[in-house]
Amino acid sequence: MQDLPGSKSSIEAAYSIVIANKDVSNMFQPKAKAFWEKREKADEVSDQGNQFSLAVLKKMLDGVREHCPNTQVVYVRNRQKYNPDFGNENVFGTNVTMKPHTDFALLKDYKFAVNMEDVHDLSPNVNFNERQLRVLAKNNCFISTRGGFQALTAFAAGGKHIVKQVRGKERSGFYNRQGRWGATVSLVHNDDSLDHAFTEEILAGGCKMCNLLD
């Protein structure tokens, strides 16, 4: 597959890491908060806490810059759309550490960072799902939050996965089955264990396991 426009950083990168984040800020808007609290009482899935804060994201990017020459980062994050059921209040709870789009602004300070949104914008004639799959298939190192997108990356590309799961119904069997797709998963449950896994499993080797595929 040919590289899509914007999928390569401005540096000559031999290695590449995908960081897949979530925007969970809408959960703390007044109407949305009540919705999620009701779901939690019904023992349904909540994504509260399954997010990389701005501080955690910056620490990962700084680590790559310091320890991993010739390495790019591909950043993927859903952009929360307006939901008329919840209203459009711009209210954030005390647990939210990343307001909308501040993470996108942070990426501009790192010339080795690729924003998946830019890839989408530069390839308007390519199907949305194809854009994502073609970029993911060029990578074999993924730092993700729990959820469907993480499972998609494992299915599409296999590879090494560090997954942050604070809450959610996925169990060890869910991640073990991803081995059928050639994926190995290190599961972490808080920012400290995420930092340790990222440092020991990715940065310690200078990101040499994270080949950027042709």
N, C-alpha and C. Protein backbone atom coordinates (compact mmCIF):
# COMPACT_ATOMS: atom_id res chain seq x y z
N MET A 1 0.83 -1.20 0.00
CA MET A 1 0.00 0.00 0.00
C MET A 1 0.87 1.25 0.00
N GLN A 2 0.50 2.22 -0.81
CA GLN A 2 1.21 3.49 -0.81
C GLN A 2 0.88 4.26 0.46
N ASP A 3 1.87 5.03 0.91
CA ASP A 3 1.64 5.88 2.07
C ASP A 3 0.61 6.94 1.74
N LEU A 4 -0.29 7.22 2.68
CA LEU A 4 -1.25 8.30 2.49
C LEU A 4 -0.59 9.63 2.82
N PRO A 5 -1.01 10.70 2.18
CA PRO A 5 -0.46 12.03 2.50
C PRO A 5 -0.63 12.34 3.98
N GLY A 6 0.44 12.83 4.59
CA GLY A 6 0.40 13.20 5.99
C GLY A 6 0.69 12.08 6.95
N SER A 7 0.82 10.85 6.47
CA SER A 7 1.03 9.72 7.37
C SER A 7 2.49 9.53 7.77
N LYS A 8 3.37 10.29 7.16
CA LYS A 8 4.79 10.28 7.53
C LYS A 8 5.16 11.63 8.12
N SER A 9 5.93 11.62 9.18
CA SER A 9 6.35 12.87 9.81
C SER A 9 7.39 13.58 8.97
N SER A 10 7.76 14.77 9.38
CA SER A 10 8.73 15.56 8.62
C SER A 10 10.16 15.05 8.80
N ILE A 11 10.36 14.13 9.75
CA ILE A 11 11.69 13.55 9.95
C ILE A 11 11.79 12.26 9.15
N GLU A 12 13.00 11.78 8.96
CA GLU A 12 13.20 10.49 8.31
C GLU A 12 13.03 9.41 9.37
N ALA A 13 11.84 8.87 9.49
CA ALA A 13 11.52 7.93 10.56
C ALA A 13 11.64 6.49 10.09
N ALA A 14 12.35 5.68 10.88
CA ALA A 14 12.41 4.25 10.64
C ALA A 14 11.46 3.49 11.55
N TYR A 15 11.02 4.18 12.61
CA TYR A 15 10.16 3.54 13.60
C TYR A 15 8.92 4.41 13.83
N SER A 16 7.86 3.78 14.31
CA SER A 16 6.61 4.52 14.47
C SER A 16 5.77 3.92 15.59
N ILE A 17 5.13 4.79 16.38
CA ILE A 17 4.28 4.38 17.49
C ILE A 17 2.92 5.05 17.32
N VAL A 18 1.85 4.30 17.47
CA VAL A 18 0.50 4.85 17.44
C VAL A 18 0.04 5.07 18.87
N ILE A 19 -0.38 6.29 19.18
CA ILE A 19 -1.03 6.60 20.46
C ILE A 19 -2.49 6.88 20.16
N ALA A 20 -3.38 6.03 20.66
CA ALA A 20 -4.81 6.16 20.41
C ALA A 20 -5.50 6.60 21.69
N ASN A 21 -6.04 7.80 21.69
CA ASN A 21 -6.63 8.41 22.87
C ASN A 21 -8.14 8.53 22.70
N LYS A 22 -8.82 9.04 23.74
CA LYS A 22 -10.26 9.28 23.69
C LYS A 22 -10.56 10.65 24.24
N ASP A 23 -11.66 11.22 23.75
CA ASP A 23 -12.22 12.43 24.33
C ASP A 23 -13.41 12.00 25.19
N VAL A 24 -13.22 12.02 26.50
CA VAL A 24 -14.31 11.62 27.39
C VAL A 24 -14.88 12.82 28.13
N SER A 25 -14.54 14.02 27.68
CA SER A 25 -14.97 15.22 28.41
C SER A 25 -16.48 15.36 28.44
N ASN A 26 -17.17 14.85 27.41
CA ASN A 26 -18.63 15.00 27.38
C ASN A 26 -19.31 14.27 28.54
N MET A 27 -18.62 13.31 29.14
CA MET A 27 -19.22 12.57 30.25
C MET A 27 -19.45 13.43 31.47
N PHE A 28 -18.78 14.59 31.51
CA PHE A 28 -18.89 15.44 32.69
C PHE A 28 -19.74 16.67 32.44
N GLN A 29 -20.34 16.75 31.26
CA GLN A 29 -21.34 17.78 31.04
C GLN A 29 -22.59 17.37 31.84
N PRO A 30 -23.36 18.32 32.34
CA PRO A 30 -24.42 18.00 33.30
C PRO A 30 -25.36 16.89 32.86
N LYS A 31 -25.93 16.98 31.64
CA LYS A 31 -26.88 15.96 31.20
C LYS A 31 -26.18 14.63 30.91
N ALA A 32 -24.97 14.72 30.36
CA ALA A 32 -24.23 13.50 30.06
C ALA A 32 -23.82 12.78 31.33
N LYS A 33 -23.44 13.54 32.36
CA LYS A 33 -23.02 12.93 33.61
C LYS A 33 -24.14 12.09 34.20
N ALA A 34 -25.37 12.60 34.16
CA ALA A 34 -26.51 11.85 34.68
C ALA A 34 -26.73 10.57 33.87
N PHE A 35 -26.52 10.68 32.54
CA PHE A 35 -26.67 9.52 31.67
C PHE A 35 -25.69 8.42 32.04
N TRP A 36 -24.41 8.79 32.23
CA TRP A 36 -23.40 7.78 32.54
C TRP A 36 -23.58 7.21 33.94
N GLU A 37 -24.01 8.03 34.88
CA GLU A 37 -24.26 7.52 36.22
C GLU A 37 -25.37 6.46 36.20
N LYS A 38 -26.38 6.68 35.38
CA LYS A 38 -27.46 5.71 35.26
C LYS A 38 -26.95 4.41 34.66
N ARG A 39 -26.08 4.51 33.67
CA ARG A 39 -25.52 3.30 33.04
C ARG A 39 -24.65 2.53 34.02
N GLU A 40 -23.88 3.25 34.84
CA GLU A 40 -23.03 2.57 35.81
C GLU A 40 -23.86 1.79 36.82
N LYS A 41 -24.97 2.38 37.27
CA LYS A 41 -25.84 1.69 38.21
C LYS A 41 -26.43 0.43 37.60
N ALA A 42 -26.61 0.46 36.29
CA ALA A 42 -27.13 -0.71 35.59
C ALA A 42 -26.01 -1.68 35.21
N ASP A 43 -24.80 -1.42 35.71
CA ASP A 43 -23.64 -2.27 35.46
C ASP A 43 -23.29 -2.34 33.98
N GLU A 44 -23.46 -1.21 33.29
CA GLU A 44 -23.04 -1.13 31.91
C GLU A 44 -21.67 -0.46 31.84
N VAL A 45 -21.10 -0.45 30.64
CA VAL A 45 -19.73 0.02 30.48
C VAL A 45 -19.63 1.53 30.65
N SER A 46 -18.62 1.98 31.37
CA SER A 46 -18.30 3.40 31.45
C SER A 46 -16.86 3.60 31.04
N ASP A 47 -16.61 4.69 30.32
CA ASP A 47 -15.24 4.98 29.89
C ASP A 47 -14.55 5.97 30.82
N GLN A 48 -15.17 6.31 31.92
CA GLN A 48 -14.58 7.30 32.82
C GLN A 48 -13.19 6.85 33.26
N GLY A 49 -12.21 7.70 33.05
CA GLY A 49 -10.83 7.39 33.42
C GLY A 49 -10.02 6.76 32.31
N ASN A 50 -10.67 6.25 31.27
CA ASN A 50 -9.95 5.61 30.18
C ASN A 50 -9.52 6.66 29.16
N GLN A 51 -8.56 7.47 29.57
CA GLN A 51 -8.10 8.58 28.75
C GLN A 51 -6.66 8.89 29.12
N PHE A 52 -5.87 9.35 28.14
CA PHE A 52 -4.55 9.87 28.42
C PHE A 52 -4.67 11.37 28.63
N SER A 53 -4.33 11.83 29.82
CA SER A 53 -4.39 13.26 30.10
C SER A 53 -3.33 13.99 29.29
N LEU A 54 -3.45 15.30 29.26
CA LEU A 54 -2.46 16.11 28.56
C LEU A 54 -1.07 15.90 29.14
N ALA A 55 -0.97 15.79 30.47
CA ALA A 55 0.33 15.59 31.12
C ALA A 55 0.92 14.24 30.74
N VAL A 56 0.09 13.20 30.70
CA VAL A 56 0.57 11.86 30.34
C VAL A 56 0.99 11.83 28.88
N LEU A 57 0.19 12.45 28.02
CA LEU A 57 0.53 12.50 26.60
C LEU A 57 1.86 13.22 26.39
N LYS A 58 2.04 14.35 27.05
CA LYS A 58 3.29 15.10 26.92
C LYS A 58 4.48 14.27 27.40
N LYS A 59 4.30 13.53 28.48
CA LYS A 59 5.40 12.71 28.99
C LYS A 59 5.79 11.63 28.00
N MET A 60 4.80 11.02 27.35
CA MET A 60 5.12 10.01 26.35
C MET A 60 5.85 10.63 25.16
N LEU A 61 5.37 11.78 24.69
CA LEU A 61 6.02 12.44 23.55
C LEU A 61 7.44 12.87 23.90
N ASP A 62 7.63 13.40 25.11
CA ASP A 62 8.97 13.80 25.54
C ASP A 62 9.89 12.59 25.63
N GLY A 63 9.35 11.46 26.08
CA GLY A 63 10.15 10.24 26.17
C GLY A 63 10.61 9.76 24.82
N VAL A 64 9.73 9.82 23.83
CA VAL A 64 10.12 9.42 22.47
C VAL A 64 11.18 10.36 21.93
N ARG A 65 11.00 11.66 22.15
CA ARG A 65 11.97 12.63 21.65
C ARG A 65 13.35 12.41 22.27
N GLU A 66 13.38 12.04 23.55
CA GLU A 66 14.66 11.90 24.25
C GLU A 66 15.34 10.57 23.96
N HIS A 67 14.57 9.50 23.85
CA HIS A 67 15.16 8.17 23.82
C HIS A 67 15.07 7.47 22.47
N CYS A 68 14.28 7.98 21.55
CA CYS A 68 14.00 7.23 20.32
C CYS A 68 14.23 8.06 19.07
N PRO A 69 15.48 8.20 18.64
CA PRO A 69 15.74 8.92 17.39
C PRO A 69 15.12 8.17 16.21
N ASN A 70 14.80 8.90 15.17
CA ASN A 70 14.23 8.31 13.95
C ASN A 70 12.89 7.63 14.20
N THR A 71 12.14 8.15 15.17
CA THR A 71 10.85 7.56 15.50
C THR A 71 9.75 8.61 15.39
N GLN A 72 8.65 8.24 14.74
CA GLN A 72 7.51 9.13 14.67
C GLN A 72 6.39 8.61 15.57
N VAL A 73 5.46 9.48 15.90
CA VAL A 73 4.26 9.11 16.65
C VAL A 73 3.04 9.48 15.82
N VAL A 74 2.13 8.54 15.66
CA VAL A 74 0.85 8.79 15.01
C VAL A 74 -0.20 8.91 16.11
N TYR A 75 -0.86 10.06 16.18
CA TYR A 75 -1.83 10.32 17.24
C TYR A 75 -3.24 10.21 16.69
N VAL A 76 -4.04 9.36 17.33
CA VAL A 76 -5.42 9.12 16.90
C VAL A 76 -6.33 9.44 18.08
N ARG A 77 -7.32 10.29 17.82
CA ARG A 77 -8.28 10.59 18.89
C ARG A 77 -9.59 11.04 18.28
N ASN A 78 -10.68 10.40 18.73
CA ASN A 78 -11.99 10.84 18.25
C ASN A 78 -12.26 12.26 18.69
N ARG A 79 -12.93 13.01 17.84
CA ARG A 79 -13.34 14.37 18.19
C ARG A 79 -14.82 14.32 18.54
N GLN A 80 -15.14 14.64 19.80
CA GLN A 80 -16.50 14.50 20.28
C GLN A 80 -17.45 15.43 19.53
N LYS A 81 -18.51 14.88 18.99
CA LYS A 81 -19.49 15.66 18.24
C LYS A 81 -20.59 16.16 19.17
N TYR A 82 -21.27 17.20 18.74
CA TYR A 82 -22.39 17.75 19.51
C TYR A 82 -23.51 16.72 19.60
N ASN A 83 -24.03 16.52 20.81
CA ASN A 83 -25.12 15.58 21.02
C ASN A 83 -26.32 16.35 21.56
N PRO A 84 -27.41 16.48 20.80
CA PRO A 84 -28.54 17.30 21.26
C PRO A 84 -29.20 16.76 22.52
N ASP A 85 -29.00 15.47 22.80
CA ASP A 85 -29.59 14.90 24.02
C ASP A 85 -28.87 15.41 25.27
N PHE A 86 -27.60 15.78 25.11
CA PHE A 86 -26.81 16.21 26.26
C PHE A 86 -26.68 17.72 26.34
N GLY A 87 -26.99 18.42 25.25
CA GLY A 87 -26.75 19.85 25.23
C GLY A 87 -25.33 20.14 24.81
N ASN A 88 -24.97 21.40 24.76
CA ASN A 88 -23.64 21.79 24.28
C ASN A 88 -22.90 22.60 25.33
N GLU A 89 -23.14 22.28 26.62
CA GLU A 89 -22.47 22.99 27.69
C GLU A 89 -20.97 22.68 27.67
N ASN A 90 -20.17 23.66 27.91
CA ASN A 90 -18.73 23.47 27.94
C ASN A 90 -18.27 23.41 29.40
N VAL A 91 -18.76 22.40 30.11
CA VAL A 91 -18.50 22.27 31.54
C VAL A 91 -17.69 21.01 31.76
N PHE A 92 -16.63 21.12 32.56
CA PHE A 92 -15.76 19.98 32.79
C PHE A 92 -15.67 19.70 34.27
N GLY A 93 -15.70 18.42 34.62
CA GLY A 93 -15.56 18.02 36.01
C GLY A 93 -14.12 18.07 36.47
N THR A 94 -13.92 17.88 37.74
CA THR A 94 -12.58 17.99 38.32
C THR A 94 -11.66 16.88 37.84
N ASN A 95 -12.21 15.77 37.34
CA ASN A 95 -11.38 14.65 36.90
C ASN A 95 -10.87 14.81 35.48
N VAL A 96 -11.38 15.81 34.77
CA VAL A 96 -10.97 15.98 33.38
C VAL A 96 -9.72 16.85 33.31
N THR A 97 -8.68 16.33 32.70
CA THR A 97 -7.42 17.05 32.63
C THR A 97 -7.10 17.52 31.21
N MET A 98 -7.96 17.19 30.25
CA MET A 98 -7.70 17.59 28.87
C MET A 98 -8.96 18.19 28.29
N LYS A 99 -8.98 19.46 28.03
CA LYS A 99 -10.12 20.08 27.38
C LYS A 99 -10.01 19.87 25.87
N PRO A 100 -11.11 20.02 25.16
CA PRO A 100 -11.09 19.71 23.72
C PRO A 100 -9.97 20.43 22.98
N HIS A 101 -9.22 19.65 22.21
CA HIS A 101 -8.28 20.16 21.22
C HIS A 101 -6.96 20.68 21.80
N THR A 102 -6.80 20.72 23.13
CA THR A 102 -5.50 21.12 23.66
C THR A 102 -4.45 20.07 23.34
N ASP A 103 -4.86 18.82 23.18
CA ASP A 103 -3.91 17.78 22.80
C ASP A 103 -3.45 17.99 21.37
N PHE A 104 -4.36 18.42 20.48
CA PHE A 104 -3.96 18.69 19.11
C PHE A 104 -2.97 19.86 19.05
N ALA A 105 -3.16 20.84 19.90
CA ALA A 105 -2.22 21.97 19.95
C ALA A 105 -0.86 21.51 20.44
N LEU A 106 -0.85 20.60 21.42
CA LEU A 106 0.41 20.07 21.95
C LEU A 106 1.23 19.39 20.86
N LEU A 107 0.58 18.65 19.99
CA LEU A 107 1.29 17.91 18.94
C LEU A 107 2.14 18.82 18.07
N LYS A 108 1.74 20.06 17.92
CA LYS A 108 2.46 20.98 17.04
C LYS A 108 3.87 21.28 17.53
N ASP A 109 4.14 20.98 18.81
CA ASP A 109 5.48 21.20 19.37
C ASP A 109 6.43 20.05 19.06
N TYR A 110 5.94 19.00 18.40
CA TYR A 110 6.74 17.80 18.15
C TYR A 110 6.72 17.50 16.65
N LYS A 111 7.85 17.77 16.00
CA LYS A 111 7.89 17.63 14.54
C LYS A 111 7.78 16.17 14.10
N PHE A 112 7.99 15.23 15.03
CA PHE A 112 7.88 13.82 14.68
C PHE A 112 6.46 13.29 14.87
N ALA A 113 5.53 14.13 15.29
CA ALA A 113 4.16 13.70 15.55
C ALA A 113 3.27 13.89 14.34
N VAL A 114 2.49 12.88 14.03
CA VAL A 114 1.52 12.91 12.94
C VAL A 114 0.12 12.85 13.56
N ASN A 115 -0.74 13.76 13.17
CA ASN A 115 -2.12 13.77 13.65
C ASN A 115 -3.00 13.06 12.61
N MET A 116 -3.68 12.00 13.03
CA MET A 116 -4.52 11.25 12.09
C MET A 116 -5.57 12.14 11.43
N GLU A 117 -6.01 13.18 12.13
CA GLU A 117 -6.98 14.10 11.52
C GLU A 117 -6.41 14.75 10.26
N ASP A 118 -5.11 15.05 10.28
CA ASP A 118 -4.49 15.64 9.09
C ASP A 118 -4.47 14.64 7.94
N VAL A 119 -4.23 13.37 8.26
CA VAL A 119 -4.26 12.33 7.22
C VAL A 119 -5.65 12.28 6.59
N HIS A 120 -6.68 12.33 7.44
CA HIS A 120 -8.05 12.33 6.91
C HIS A 120 -8.30 13.53 6.00
N ASP A 121 -7.85 14.71 6.44
CA ASP A 121 -8.09 15.93 5.67
C ASP A 121 -7.36 15.91 4.33
N LEU A 122 -6.19 15.28 4.30
CA LEU A 122 -5.37 15.28 3.08
C LEU A 122 -5.75 14.16 2.11
N SER A 123 -6.64 13.28 2.53
CA SER A 123 -7.05 12.17 1.66
C SER A 123 -8.57 12.10 1.56
N PRO A 124 -9.22 13.17 1.08
CA PRO A 124 -10.69 13.21 1.07
C PRO A 124 -11.32 12.20 0.13
N ASN A 125 -10.56 11.70 -0.83
CA ASN A 125 -11.13 10.76 -1.80
C ASN A 125 -10.98 9.30 -1.39
N VAL A 126 -10.41 9.09 -0.20
CA VAL A 126 -10.24 7.73 0.31
C VAL A 126 -11.25 7.52 1.43
N ASN A 127 -11.89 6.36 1.43
CA ASN A 127 -12.88 6.04 2.45
C ASN A 127 -12.29 6.19 3.85
N PHE A 128 -13.09 6.71 4.80
CA PHE A 128 -12.62 6.96 6.17
C PHE A 128 -12.01 5.72 6.79
N ASN A 129 -12.69 4.59 6.69
CA ASN A 129 -12.17 3.37 7.30
C ASN A 129 -10.88 2.91 6.63
N GLU A 130 -10.80 3.07 5.32
CA GLU A 130 -9.58 2.68 4.62
C GLU A 130 -8.40 3.54 5.06
N ARG A 131 -8.64 4.83 5.25
CA ARG A 131 -7.55 5.70 5.71
C ARG A 131 -6.97 5.18 7.01
N GLN A 132 -7.85 4.91 7.96
CA GLN A 132 -7.38 4.45 9.27
C GLN A 132 -6.63 3.12 9.16
N LEU A 133 -7.21 2.16 8.44
CA LEU A 133 -6.60 0.84 8.35
C LEU A 133 -5.25 0.88 7.64
N ARG A 134 -5.13 1.73 6.62
CA ARG A 134 -3.86 1.81 5.90
C ARG A 134 -2.76 2.40 6.76
N VAL A 135 -3.11 3.35 7.62
CA VAL A 135 -2.11 3.91 8.53
C VAL A 135 -1.76 2.89 9.63
N LEU A 136 -2.76 2.27 10.21
CA LEU A 136 -2.52 1.30 11.29
C LEU A 136 -1.66 0.14 10.81
N ALA A 137 -1.89 -0.30 9.57
CA ALA A 137 -1.17 -1.46 9.04
C ALA A 137 0.31 -1.19 8.83
N LYS A 138 0.72 0.07 8.86
CA LYS A 138 2.14 0.42 8.73
C LYS A 138 2.87 0.36 10.07
N ASN A 139 2.13 0.07 11.15
CA ASN A 139 2.70 0.14 12.50
C ASN A 139 2.60 -1.20 13.21
N ASN A 140 3.46 -1.36 14.22
CA ASN A 140 3.34 -2.56 15.07
C ASN A 140 3.50 -2.25 16.55
N CYS A 141 3.44 -0.97 16.93
CA CYS A 141 3.47 -0.57 18.34
C CYS A 141 2.30 0.38 18.60
N PHE A 142 1.50 0.03 19.61
CA PHE A 142 0.28 0.80 19.88
C PHE A 142 0.13 1.04 21.38
N ILE A 143 -0.13 2.29 21.74
CA ILE A 143 -0.45 2.68 23.10
C ILE A 143 -1.89 3.17 23.06
N SER A 144 -2.80 2.46 23.71
CA SER A 144 -4.22 2.70 23.51
C SER A 144 -4.98 2.73 24.83
N THR A 145 -6.16 3.34 24.78
CA THR A 145 -7.14 3.16 25.83
C THR A 145 -8.04 1.99 25.46
N ARG A 146 -8.74 1.43 26.43
CA ARG A 146 -9.58 0.26 26.15
C ARG A 146 -10.74 0.64 25.23
N GLY A 147 -11.24 -0.38 24.54
CA GLY A 147 -12.40 -0.13 23.71
C GLY A 147 -12.28 -0.70 22.31
N GLY A 148 -13.27 -0.39 21.50
CA GLY A 148 -13.35 -0.97 20.19
C GLY A 148 -12.22 -0.60 19.26
N PHE A 149 -11.70 0.63 19.38
CA PHE A 149 -10.62 1.02 18.48
C PHE A 149 -9.36 0.22 18.78
N GLN A 150 -9.11 -0.07 20.05
CA GLN A 150 -7.96 -0.91 20.40
C GLN A 150 -8.07 -2.28 19.76
N ALA A 151 -9.27 -2.87 19.83
CA ALA A 151 -9.47 -4.18 19.22
C ALA A 151 -9.28 -4.10 17.70
N LEU A 152 -9.72 -3.00 17.10
CA LEU A 152 -9.54 -2.82 15.66
C LEU A 152 -8.06 -2.79 15.30
N THR A 153 -7.25 -2.07 16.08
CA THR A 153 -5.82 -2.00 15.76
C THR A 153 -5.17 -3.37 15.88
N ALA A 154 -5.58 -4.15 16.88
CA ALA A 154 -5.02 -5.50 17.03
C ALA A 154 -5.40 -6.37 15.84
N PHE A 155 -6.65 -6.26 15.39
CA PHE A 155 -7.11 -7.04 14.26
C PHE A 155 -6.41 -6.62 12.97
N ALA A 156 -6.22 -5.32 12.79
CA ALA A 156 -5.67 -4.80 11.53
C ALA A 156 -4.17 -4.98 11.43
N ALA A 157 -3.47 -4.92 12.57
CA ALA A 157 -2.01 -4.84 12.49
C ALA A 157 -1.28 -5.80 13.41
N GLY A 158 -1.99 -6.48 14.33
CA GLY A 158 -1.26 -7.31 15.30
C GLY A 158 -0.38 -6.43 16.15
N GLY A 159 0.85 -6.87 16.40
CA GLY A 159 1.85 -6.02 17.04
C GLY A 159 1.76 -5.96 18.54
N LYS A 160 2.52 -5.01 19.09
CA LYS A 160 2.65 -4.81 20.53
C LYS A 160 1.66 -3.75 20.99
N HIS A 161 0.89 -4.05 22.05
CA HIS A 161 -0.11 -3.12 22.57
C HIS A 161 0.07 -2.91 24.07
N ILE A 162 0.10 -1.65 24.47
CA ILE A 162 -0.03 -1.30 25.88
C ILE A 162 -1.40 -0.63 26.00
N VAL A 163 -2.27 -1.20 26.83
CA VAL A 163 -3.67 -0.76 26.90
C VAL A 163 -3.98 -0.27 28.31
N LYS A 164 -4.47 0.96 28.40
CA LYS A 164 -4.92 1.51 29.68
C LYS A 164 -6.41 1.23 29.84
N GLN A 165 -6.75 0.47 30.87
CA GLN A 165 -8.15 0.18 31.18
C GLN A 165 -8.39 0.46 32.65
N VAL A 166 -9.00 1.59 32.94
CA VAL A 166 -9.37 1.92 34.31
C VAL A 166 -10.71 1.29 34.66
N ARG A 167 -11.64 1.37 33.69
CA ARG A 167 -12.95 0.77 33.87
C ARG A 167 -13.34 0.09 32.58
N GLY A 168 -14.33 -0.78 32.65
CA GLY A 168 -14.78 -1.49 31.46
C GLY A 168 -14.92 -2.97 31.74
N LYS A 169 -15.63 -3.66 30.87
CA LYS A 169 -15.96 -5.06 31.09
C LYS A 169 -14.96 -6.04 30.47
N GLU A 170 -14.01 -5.55 29.69
CA GLU A 170 -13.05 -6.47 29.07
C GLU A 170 -12.24 -7.19 30.14
N ARG A 171 -12.04 -8.48 29.95
CA ARG A 171 -11.26 -9.29 30.87
C ARG A 171 -10.04 -9.85 30.14
N SER A 172 -9.21 -10.60 30.87
CA SER A 172 -7.97 -11.10 30.28
C SER A 172 -8.21 -11.94 29.03
N GLY A 173 -9.30 -12.70 29.02
CA GLY A 173 -9.59 -13.52 27.85
C GLY A 173 -9.79 -12.70 26.60
N PHE A 174 -10.39 -11.51 26.75
CA PHE A 174 -10.61 -10.62 25.60
C PHE A 174 -9.28 -10.25 24.97
N TYR A 175 -8.29 -9.93 25.80
CA TYR A 175 -6.99 -9.52 25.28
C TYR A 175 -6.16 -10.73 24.84
N ASN A 176 -6.29 -11.84 25.55
CA ASN A 176 -5.54 -13.03 25.14
C ASN A 176 -5.95 -13.52 23.76
N ARG A 177 -7.25 -13.37 23.45
CA ARG A 177 -7.72 -13.82 22.13
C ARG A 177 -7.15 -12.98 20.99
N GLN A 178 -6.66 -11.80 21.31
CA GLN A 178 -6.06 -10.98 20.27
C GLN A 178 -4.75 -11.58 19.75
N GLY A 179 -4.23 -12.55 20.49
CA GLY A 179 -3.05 -13.27 20.02
C GLY A 179 -3.30 -14.01 18.72
N ARG A 180 -4.55 -14.33 18.44
CA ARG A 180 -4.87 -14.98 17.17
C ARG A 180 -4.57 -14.08 15.99
N TRP A 181 -4.55 -12.78 16.26
CA TRP A 181 -4.30 -11.79 15.20
C TRP A 181 -2.83 -11.33 15.22
N GLY A 182 -2.01 -11.99 16.03
CA GLY A 182 -0.60 -11.63 16.12
C GLY A 182 -0.32 -10.49 17.06
N ALA A 183 -1.26 -10.20 17.96
CA ALA A 183 -1.10 -9.09 18.91
C ALA A 183 -0.73 -9.60 20.30
N THR A 184 0.12 -8.86 20.98
CA THR A 184 0.42 -9.11 22.38
C THR A 184 0.05 -7.85 23.16
N VAL A 185 -0.58 -8.06 24.33
CA VAL A 185 -1.15 -6.94 25.08
C VAL A 185 -0.57 -6.88 26.49
N SER A 186 -0.09 -5.68 26.87
CA SER A 186 0.26 -5.39 28.26
C SER A 186 -0.85 -4.48 28.80
N LEU A 187 -1.58 -4.96 29.80
CA LEU A 187 -2.72 -4.23 30.34
C LEU A 187 -2.29 -3.45 31.58
N VAL A 188 -2.63 -2.15 31.61
CA VAL A 188 -2.31 -1.30 32.76
C VAL A 188 -3.60 -0.64 33.23
N HIS A 189 -3.61 -0.24 34.52
CA HIS A 189 -4.85 0.26 35.11
C HIS A 189 -4.74 1.66 35.69
N ASN A 190 -3.58 2.28 35.58
CA ASN A 190 -3.43 3.66 36.06
C ASN A 190 -2.25 4.29 35.35
N ASP A 191 -2.04 5.57 35.58
CA ASP A 191 -0.98 6.30 34.87
C ASP A 191 0.41 5.86 35.29
N ASP A 192 0.59 5.47 36.55
CA ASP A 192 1.91 5.03 37.00
C ASP A 192 2.32 3.74 36.29
N SER A 193 1.40 2.78 36.22
CA SER A 193 1.74 1.53 35.55
C SER A 193 1.87 1.73 34.04
N LEU A 194 1.13 2.68 33.49
CA LEU A 194 1.30 3.01 32.08
C LEU A 194 2.69 3.57 31.83
N ASP A 195 3.13 4.48 32.67
CA ASP A 195 4.45 5.08 32.52
C ASP A 195 5.54 4.01 32.62
N HIS A 196 5.40 3.09 33.56
CA HIS A 196 6.39 2.03 33.72
C HIS A 196 6.43 1.13 32.50
N ALA A 197 5.26 0.72 32.01
CA ALA A 197 5.22 -0.16 30.84
C ALA A 197 5.79 0.53 29.60
N PHE A 198 5.43 1.78 29.40
CA PHE A 198 5.92 2.52 28.24
C PHE A 198 7.43 2.69 28.30
N THR A 199 7.94 2.97 29.50
CA THR A 199 9.38 3.16 29.67
C THR A 199 10.15 1.87 29.46
N GLU A 200 9.67 0.78 30.06
CA GLU A 200 10.41 -0.48 30.04
C GLU A 200 10.22 -1.26 28.74
N GLU A 201 9.04 -1.17 28.15
CA GLU A 201 8.75 -2.01 26.99
C GLU A 201 8.96 -1.30 25.66
N ILE A 202 8.96 0.01 25.65
CA ILE A 202 9.11 0.76 24.40
C ILE A 202 10.38 1.61 24.41
N LEU A 203 10.48 2.53 25.35
CA LEU A 203 11.60 3.47 25.35
C LEU A 203 12.93 2.82 25.64
N ALA A 204 12.94 1.80 26.50
CA ALA A 204 14.21 1.20 26.92
C ALA A 204 15.00 0.65 25.74
N GLY A 205 14.31 0.24 24.71
CA GLY A 205 15.00 -0.28 23.53
C GLY A 205 15.18 0.76 22.45
N GLY A 206 14.97 2.03 22.78
CA GLY A 206 15.07 3.08 21.78
C GLY A 206 14.01 2.96 20.70
N CYS A 207 12.90 2.32 21.05
CA CYS A 207 11.77 2.13 20.12
C CYS A 207 12.14 1.27 18.91
N LYS A 208 13.20 0.49 19.05
CA LYS A 208 13.67 -0.30 17.89
C LYS A 208 12.71 -1.42 17.50
N MET A 209 11.82 -1.80 18.41
CA MET A 209 10.85 -2.85 18.05
C MET A 209 9.70 -2.29 17.22
N CYS A 210 9.63 -0.96 17.13
CA CYS A 210 8.45 -0.30 16.53
C CYS A 210 8.71 0.08 15.08
N ASN A 211 9.00 -0.91 14.26
CA ASN A 211 9.35 -0.64 12.87
C ASN A 211 8.21 0.03 12.13
N LEU A 212 8.57 1.03 11.32
CA LEU A 212 7.63 1.66 10.40
C LEU A 212 7.69 0.86 9.11
N LEU A 213 6.60 0.21 8.74
CA LEU A 213 6.60 -0.70 7.62
C LEU A 213 6.47 0.04 6.30
N ASP A 214 7.08 -0.49 5.28
CA ASP A 214 7.01 0.08 3.94
C ASP A 214 5.64 -0.19 3.32
